[in-house]
Amino acid sequence: MTGAAQAEREAGPISAGEIRRTYQQIRPYLRRTPTLTVPLAALTGASRDDAGPGVVLKLEQLQCAGSFKARGAFANLLLREIPPAGVIAASGGNHGVAVAYAAHQLGVPATIFVPAIAGRAKIDAIRSLGADLHIGGDRYADGGSAAQIWATESGAAQVPAFDQRETILGQGSVGLELSEQISDLDTVLVPVGGGGLIAGIAAYFTGAVRIIGVEPDGAPTLTRARAHGGPADAPTGSIAADVLAPGRVGDLVFPLTQSYVSDVLLVDDKAIRQAQHALWRSTRLITEPAAAVTSAALITGAYRPAPGERAAIVITGANTTLSDFQTPAAAEPSSPPRVRHAEPKCAERPGR
């Protein structure tokens, strides 16, 4: 890390240029996830096909470690000074998997704290990557408290799931890739939990593209923050609670969302489950509940693209099991999707 780069990170707002430079550092370890375009009617079940440009899906569930979180995890481990004791992360699941994966790739010791509500697929993935796993408490905040104590005692570096500059820089690379894959983008719908992903994407586009957040109505972290004028405690009840219910948005996240996020929408658990099944019917994609909230916004009509509008939704993760998914009998997709820029293999360490 150069002195200039360190100064840049310590001074001022996160910029698109800084996200680009971060991407060059993390790119060798990531998959450039594909986009997929489907007719809006294929998701919503409308009887009449939409003649518009279709909805773009950014398939981050195909990212290394099963979610977009790998971007922020590698940004932290590559851009920060990591002590010999390694790293610690508190997570509802996906962040823990991502940190465990990045640490495994880079040969760094990792300790992960997850609450009891973390999904079995996520717990099994963390264990398989060799991290020291601690399960306890009912909420993300419980793991965060335990991780703080452990970091103080061990000297390990904490890798925050959302409220850390490097985390936001890494997640912002989703926006960078979208801008290169879809040249005429108008709107991006982004799931919101702690807000690291939407803050990063919004910081990259800086108002050039409309950014819409989508949250479960049982975990309205950004909605509650906007109503209070700053981060505030929010409920944590939803089928997506293991990923999208940290209790409040981050202090670094909030100013970026105030500057560049146009609106925040709420969807209920029934709509989220319907969206999971709609994604399966139309594209044969299996997603976890948190990854389906943006689709739910389209299905319920909470967001209706204007005629000719080029809208994208971020599908954030697929760390789930078939039994959790509860797949119904489904017909074959009615319209073939269009895939761009697929990269089938995750990068290993450079030179391996």
Protein backbone atom coordinates (compact mmCIF):
# COMPACT_ATOMS: atom_id res chain seq x y z
CA MET A 1 0.00 0.00 0.00
CA THR A 2 1.48 3.36 -1.02
CA GLY A 3 1.35 6.45 1.14
CA ALA A 4 -0.84 8.13 -1.47
CA ALA A 5 -3.31 5.25 -1.45
CA GLN A 6 -3.45 5.30 2.36
CA ALA A 7 -4.09 9.04 2.36
CA GLU A 8 -6.84 8.63 -0.23
CA ARG A 9 -8.66 6.12 1.92
CA GLU A 10 -8.38 8.28 5.00
CA ALA A 11 -9.59 11.45 3.32
CA GLY A 12 -12.92 12.36 1.80
CA PRO A 13 -15.78 10.43 0.23
CA ILE A 14 -15.41 7.15 -1.60
CA SER A 15 -15.01 7.80 -5.32
CA ALA A 16 -15.50 5.84 -8.51
CA GLY A 17 -11.76 6.13 -9.17
CA GLU A 18 -10.92 4.55 -5.82
CA ILE A 19 -13.36 1.73 -6.53
CA ARG A 20 -11.67 1.13 -9.90
CA ARG A 21 -8.23 0.96 -8.26
CA THR A 22 -9.56 -1.41 -5.60
CA TYR A 23 -11.03 -3.60 -8.32
CA GLN A 24 -7.64 -3.98 -9.94
CA GLN A 25 -6.30 -5.34 -6.64
CA ILE A 26 -9.12 -7.82 -5.98
CA ARG A 27 -9.88 -8.80 -9.58
CA PRO A 28 -7.44 -11.78 -9.76
CA TYR A 29 -9.31 -13.50 -6.93
CA LEU A 30 -12.88 -12.97 -8.16
CA ARG A 31 -15.26 -14.07 -10.85
CA ARG A 32 -16.63 -11.37 -13.14
CA THR A 33 -20.21 -12.49 -12.69
CA PRO A 34 -22.47 -12.65 -15.72
CA THR A 35 -25.59 -10.67 -16.45
CA LEU A 36 -28.77 -12.27 -17.66
CA THR A 37 -31.71 -10.49 -19.29
CA VAL A 38 -35.28 -11.77 -18.95
CA PRO A 39 -38.63 -10.29 -19.97
CA LEU A 40 -40.29 -8.51 -17.08
CA ALA A 41 -43.40 -10.67 -17.58
CA ALA A 42 -41.34 -13.81 -16.98
CA LEU A 43 -40.71 -12.63 -13.42
CA THR A 44 -44.06 -11.05 -12.68
CA GLY A 45 -46.24 -13.71 -14.30
CA ALA A 46 -48.12 -11.11 -16.34
CA SER A 47 -50.30 -12.56 -19.07
CA ARG A 48 -48.89 -10.23 -21.71
CA ASP A 49 -45.18 -10.07 -22.52
CA ASP A 50 -43.47 -6.74 -22.08
CA ALA A 51 -42.05 -5.33 -25.29
CA GLY A 52 -39.42 -3.37 -23.35
CA PRO A 53 -35.73 -4.14 -23.02
CA GLY A 54 -36.25 -6.70 -20.24
CA VAL A 55 -34.81 -6.81 -16.74
CA VAL A 56 -31.08 -7.33 -16.28
CA LEU A 57 -30.05 -9.73 -13.51
CA LYS A 58 -26.54 -9.30 -12.11
CA LEU A 59 -25.75 -12.83 -10.94
CA GLU A 60 -23.67 -12.35 -7.82
CA GLN A 61 -24.87 -15.68 -6.47
CA LEU A 62 -22.28 -17.10 -8.90
CA GLN A 63 -19.49 -15.16 -7.21
CA CYS A 64 -16.68 -17.02 -5.45
CA ALA A 65 -17.91 -18.14 -2.01
CA GLY A 66 -21.51 -17.88 -3.23
CA SER A 67 -22.21 -14.15 -2.85
CA PHE A 68 -21.01 -10.63 -3.60
CA LYS A 69 -19.44 -10.52 -0.14
CA ALA A 70 -16.19 -11.98 -1.51
CA ARG A 71 -15.45 -8.58 -3.07
CA GLY A 72 -15.39 -6.75 0.24
CA ALA A 73 -13.60 -9.58 1.99
CA PHE A 74 -10.68 -9.55 -0.47
CA ALA A 75 -10.55 -5.75 -0.41
CA ASN A 76 -10.05 -5.84 3.36
CA LEU A 77 -7.41 -8.56 3.32
CA LEU A 78 -5.46 -7.06 0.42
CA LEU A 79 -5.63 -3.35 1.25
CA ARG A 80 -5.22 -3.42 5.03
CA GLU A 81 -2.30 -4.45 7.18
CA ILE A 82 -3.25 -7.89 8.58
CA PRO A 83 -1.56 -8.97 11.85
CA PRO A 84 -0.15 -12.47 12.40
CA ALA A 85 -3.26 -13.33 14.46
CA GLY A 86 -5.28 -13.04 11.25
CA VAL A 87 -8.83 -11.76 10.86
CA ILE A 88 -12.14 -11.94 12.68
CA ALA A 89 -15.61 -11.46 11.21
CA ALA A 90 -19.11 -11.37 12.65
CA SER A 91 -21.69 -12.43 10.12
CA GLY A 92 -25.21 -13.63 9.50
CA GLY A 93 -23.58 -16.11 7.15
CA ASN A 94 -22.50 -14.85 3.73
CA HIS A 95 -19.88 -12.41 5.01
CA GLY A 96 -18.45 -15.15 7.17
CA VAL A 97 -18.22 -17.51 4.21
CA ALA A 98 -16.56 -14.79 2.14
CA VAL A 99 -13.99 -13.88 4.79
CA ALA A 100 -13.23 -17.56 5.40
CA TYR A 101 -12.78 -18.06 1.65
CA ALA A 102 -10.54 -15.01 1.18
CA ALA A 103 -8.45 -15.95 4.22
CA HIS A 104 -8.09 -19.50 2.91
CA GLN A 105 -6.92 -18.24 -0.47
CA LEU A 106 -4.41 -15.83 1.06
CA GLY A 107 -3.16 -18.12 3.83
CA VAL A 108 -4.50 -15.95 6.66
CA PRO A 109 -5.98 -17.37 9.92
CA ALA A 110 -9.69 -16.58 10.25
CA THR A 111 -12.17 -16.70 13.12
CA ILE A 112 -15.86 -16.33 12.28
CA PHE A 113 -18.78 -15.59 14.65
CA VAL A 114 -22.32 -16.34 13.43
CA PRO A 115 -25.70 -16.31 15.20
CA ALA A 116 -27.79 -19.45 15.65
CA ILE A 117 -30.10 -18.33 12.82
CA ALA A 118 -27.31 -18.66 10.23
CA GLY A 119 -28.27 -21.11 7.50
CA ARG A 120 -26.83 -24.62 7.47
CA ALA A 121 -25.28 -24.12 4.04
CA LYS A 122 -23.35 -21.09 5.29
CA ILE A 123 -22.17 -22.83 8.46
CA ASP A 124 -20.99 -25.86 6.51
CA ALA A 125 -19.16 -23.65 4.01
CA ILE A 126 -17.30 -21.74 6.74
CA ARG A 127 -16.19 -24.98 8.37
CA SER A 128 -15.08 -26.48 5.07
CA LEU A 129 -12.76 -23.51 4.48
CA GLY A 130 -10.86 -24.15 7.69
CA ALA A 131 -11.97 -21.11 9.69
CA ASP A 132 -12.40 -21.23 13.45
CA LEU A 133 -16.21 -21.04 13.74
CA HIS A 134 -18.18 -19.81 16.77
CA ILE A 135 -21.99 -20.10 16.79
CA GLY A 136 -24.01 -18.23 19.39
CA GLY A 137 -26.69 -15.64 20.05
CA ASP A 138 -29.90 -14.98 18.16
CA ARG A 139 -28.91 -11.92 16.13
CA TYR A 140 -26.06 -10.53 14.06
CA ALA A 141 -25.36 -8.03 16.85
CA ASP A 142 -24.63 -10.86 19.28
CA GLY A 143 -21.87 -12.14 17.03
CA GLY A 144 -20.55 -8.64 16.63
CA SER A 145 -20.15 -8.20 20.38
CA ALA A 146 -18.36 -11.53 20.73
CA ALA A 147 -16.07 -10.72 17.80
CA GLN A 148 -15.13 -7.38 19.35
CA ILE A 149 -14.06 -9.08 22.58
CA TRP A 150 -12.10 -11.73 20.69
CA ALA A 151 -10.33 -9.12 18.56
CA THR A 152 -9.25 -7.20 21.65
CA GLU A 153 -7.89 -10.34 23.30
CA SER A 154 -6.24 -11.90 20.25
CA GLY A 155 -4.97 -8.92 18.30
CA ALA A 156 -6.68 -10.10 15.11
CA ALA A 157 -8.09 -7.56 12.66
CA GLN A 158 -11.85 -7.24 12.41
CA VAL A 159 -13.36 -7.37 8.93
CA PRO A 160 -16.71 -5.55 9.20
CA ALA A 161 -19.53 -6.83 6.99
CA PHE A 162 -20.59 -3.39 5.77
CA ASP A 163 -19.36 -0.40 7.80
CA GLN A 164 -15.74 -0.36 6.66
CA ARG A 165 -14.23 1.70 3.84
CA GLU A 166 -12.52 -1.29 2.22
CA THR A 167 -15.72 -3.33 2.40
CA ILE A 168 -17.67 -0.60 0.60
CA LEU A 169 -14.91 -0.21 -1.99
CA GLY A 170 -15.00 -3.91 -2.77
CA GLN A 171 -18.77 -4.08 -3.02
CA GLY A 172 -18.76 -1.05 -5.29
CA SER A 173 -17.06 -3.16 -7.96
CA VAL A 174 -20.49 -4.71 -8.64
CA GLY A 175 -21.50 -1.33 -10.03
CA LEU A 176 -18.28 -1.06 -12.03
CA GLU A 177 -18.90 -4.40 -13.73
CA LEU A 178 -22.54 -3.55 -14.43
CA SER A 179 -21.51 -0.29 -16.10
CA GLU A 180 -19.19 -2.21 -18.40
CA GLN A 181 -21.70 -4.96 -19.16
CA ILE A 182 -24.81 -2.80 -19.72
CA SER A 183 -24.07 0.49 -21.44
CA ASP A 184 -27.61 1.96 -21.35
CA LEU A 185 -28.46 1.31 -17.70
CA ASP A 186 -31.10 3.54 -16.11
CA THR A 187 -31.85 1.98 -12.72
CA VAL A 188 -30.34 -0.57 -10.34
CA LEU A 189 -32.35 -2.25 -7.57
CA VAL A 190 -30.14 -3.41 -4.69
CA PRO A 191 -30.91 -5.51 -1.58
CA VAL A 192 -30.18 -3.70 1.68
CA GLY A 193 -29.07 -5.09 5.03
CA GLY A 194 -26.25 -3.12 6.62
CA GLY A 195 -25.91 -1.16 3.40
CA GLY A 196 -22.36 -1.88 2.24
CA LEU A 197 -23.45 -3.10 -1.19
CA ILE A 198 -25.85 -0.29 -1.98
CA ALA A 199 -23.39 2.31 -0.64
CA GLY A 200 -20.61 0.97 -2.86
CA ILE A 201 -22.76 0.77 -5.99
CA ALA A 202 -24.20 4.23 -5.33
CA ALA A 203 -20.73 5.69 -4.76
CA TYR A 204 -19.56 4.26 -8.06
CA PHE A 205 -22.44 5.69 -10.13
CA THR A 206 -22.64 9.00 -8.17
CA GLY A 207 -26.11 9.81 -9.45
CA ALA A 208 -25.54 8.83 -13.09
CA VAL A 209 -27.88 5.85 -12.58
CA ARG A 210 -30.95 5.71 -10.34
CA ILE A 211 -30.26 3.49 -7.30
CA ILE A 212 -33.21 1.92 -5.46
CA GLY A 213 -32.82 -0.04 -2.22
CA VAL A 214 -35.09 -2.98 -1.35
CA GLU A 215 -35.52 -4.35 2.18
CA PRO A 216 -37.72 -6.93 3.93
CA ASP A 217 -40.49 -5.13 5.79
CA GLY A 218 -39.47 -7.10 8.87
CA ALA A 219 -35.94 -5.68 8.76
CA PRO A 220 -36.21 -2.07 7.49
CA THR A 221 -32.73 -0.85 8.42
CA LEU A 222 -32.27 1.85 5.78
CA THR A 223 -35.94 2.83 5.82
CA ARG A 224 -35.71 3.39 9.57
CA ALA A 225 -32.44 5.33 9.21
CA ARG A 226 -33.89 7.66 6.58
CA ALA A 227 -36.90 8.32 8.78
CA HIS A 228 -34.65 9.18 11.74
CA GLY A 229 -32.04 11.14 9.79
CA GLY A 230 -29.28 8.68 10.69
CA PRO A 231 -28.56 5.05 11.62
CA ALA A 232 -31.19 3.80 14.06
CA ASP A 233 -32.15 0.46 15.56
CA ALA A 234 -34.59 -1.52 13.40
CA PRO A 235 -36.53 -4.79 13.77
CA THR A 236 -34.78 -8.00 12.69
CA GLY A 237 -37.62 -10.34 11.74
CA SER A 238 -37.78 -11.83 8.24
CA ILE A 239 -37.06 -15.03 6.33
CA ALA A 240 -34.05 -13.05 5.07
CA ALA A 241 -32.95 -12.13 8.62
CA ASP A 242 -29.73 -14.14 8.47
CA VAL A 243 -28.44 -11.77 5.77
CA LEU A 244 -30.54 -8.59 5.72
CA ALA A 245 -31.16 -7.89 9.41
CA PRO A 246 -28.07 -6.47 11.12
CA GLY A 247 -30.21 -4.19 13.29
CA ARG A 248 -29.03 -0.89 11.80
CA VAL A 249 -27.16 0.50 8.80
CA GLY A 250 -23.55 1.59 9.06
CA ASP A 251 -22.33 5.06 9.95
CA LEU A 252 -20.14 5.18 6.81
CA VAL A 253 -22.93 3.75 4.70
CA PHE A 254 -25.66 6.23 5.59
CA PRO A 255 -24.19 9.45 4.09
CA LEU A 256 -23.53 7.71 0.78
CA THR A 257 -27.10 6.44 0.61
CA GLN A 258 -28.45 9.89 1.46
CA SER A 259 -26.47 11.39 -1.40
CA TYR A 260 -27.06 8.83 -4.11
CA VAL A 261 -29.97 6.47 -3.30
CA SER A 262 -33.27 7.64 -4.78
CA ASP A 263 -35.68 5.50 -2.79
CA VAL A 264 -36.00 2.48 -0.51
CA LEU A 265 -38.80 -0.06 -0.96
CA LEU A 266 -40.18 -2.69 1.40
CA VAL A 267 -41.37 -6.21 0.52
CA ASP A 268 -42.92 -8.84 2.76
CA ASP A 269 -41.84 -12.43 3.34
CA LYS A 270 -44.59 -13.86 1.13
CA ALA A 271 -43.38 -11.77 -1.80
CA ILE A 272 -39.78 -12.79 -1.16
CA ARG A 273 -40.70 -16.48 -1.28
CA GLN A 274 -42.76 -15.91 -4.43
CA ALA A 275 -39.78 -14.17 -5.99
CA GLN A 276 -37.50 -17.12 -5.23
CA HIS A 277 -39.90 -19.40 -7.06
CA ALA A 278 -40.37 -16.94 -9.94
CA LEU A 279 -36.61 -16.85 -10.46
CA TRP A 280 -36.59 -20.64 -10.55
CA ARG A 281 -39.47 -20.82 -13.04
CA SER A 282 -38.11 -18.16 -15.38
CA THR A 283 -34.35 -18.72 -15.20
CA ARG A 284 -33.70 -21.93 -13.24
CA LEU A 285 -31.82 -19.90 -10.62
CA ILE A 286 -31.85 -21.04 -7.00
CA THR A 287 -31.39 -18.11 -4.64
CA GLU A 288 -31.52 -17.53 -0.91
CA PRO A 289 -34.34 -15.27 0.36
CA ALA A 290 -32.15 -12.17 0.74
CA ALA A 291 -31.14 -12.41 -2.91
CA ALA A 292 -34.76 -12.37 -4.07
CA VAL A 293 -35.93 -9.11 -2.50
CA THR A 294 -35.24 -7.08 -5.65
CA SER A 295 -37.26 -9.52 -7.73
CA ALA A 296 -40.00 -9.27 -5.11
CA ALA A 297 -40.16 -5.52 -5.66
CA LEU A 298 -40.93 -6.13 -9.34
CA ILE A 299 -43.40 -8.94 -8.70
CA THR A 300 -45.44 -6.93 -6.20
CA GLY A 301 -45.34 -3.76 -8.26
CA ALA A 302 -43.47 -1.91 -5.51
CA TYR A 303 -41.25 -0.86 -8.39
CA ARG A 304 -42.59 -0.60 -11.95
CA PRO A 305 -40.03 0.21 -14.65
CA ALA A 306 -41.19 2.90 -17.05
CA PRO A 307 -41.66 1.98 -20.72
CA GLY A 308 -38.23 1.53 -22.27
CA GLU A 309 -36.44 1.77 -18.91
CA ARG A 310 -33.30 -0.35 -18.61
CA ALA A 311 -33.47 -1.71 -15.08
CA ALA A 312 -31.10 -4.12 -13.37
CA ILE A 313 -31.52 -6.10 -10.16
CA VAL A 314 -28.66 -7.55 -8.13
CA ILE A 315 -29.09 -11.23 -7.20
CA THR A 316 -26.77 -11.32 -4.25
CA GLY A 317 -26.31 -14.91 -3.08
CA ALA A 318 -27.23 -18.58 -3.22
CA ASN A 319 -25.85 -20.02 -0.01
CA THR A 320 -28.90 -22.15 0.69
CA THR A 321 -29.99 -25.78 0.61
CA LEU A 322 -32.66 -27.48 -1.45
CA SER A 323 -34.75 -28.15 1.64
CA ASP A 324 -34.59 -24.47 2.65
CA PHE A 325 -35.44 -23.39 -0.86
CA GLN A 326 -38.74 -25.35 -0.84
CA THR A 327 -38.90 -25.56 -4.61
CA PRO A 328 -42.39 -26.08 -6.03
CA ALA A 329 -43.15 -27.93 -9.24
CA ALA A 330 -42.32 -25.47 -11.99
CA ALA A 331 -42.72 -25.22 -15.72
CA GLU A 332 -39.77 -24.72 -18.04
CA PRO A 333 -38.69 -21.09 -18.52
CA SER A 334 -41.04 -19.46 -21.00
CA SER A 335 -38.37 -17.33 -22.66
CA PRO A 336 -34.65 -18.12 -22.99
CA PRO A 337 -32.48 -15.71 -20.96
CA ARG A 338 -29.53 -13.90 -22.50
CA VAL A 339 -26.23 -14.40 -20.68
CA ARG A 340 -23.17 -12.16 -20.96
CA HIS A 341 -19.61 -12.39 -19.73
CA ALA A 342 -19.78 -15.70 -17.89
CA GLU A 343 -16.55 -16.86 -16.26
CA PRO A 344 -16.95 -20.44 -15.00
CA LYS A 345 -13.99 -20.70 -12.62
CA CYS A 346 -12.94 -18.71 -9.58
CA ALA A 347 -9.39 -17.47 -9.68
CA GLU A 348 -6.91 -19.07 -7.34
CA ARG A 349 -3.85 -17.24 -6.07
CA PRO A 350 -1.99 -15.59 -8.95
CA GLY A 351 0.65 -17.97 -10.27
CA ARG A 352 -0.91 -21.11 -8.81
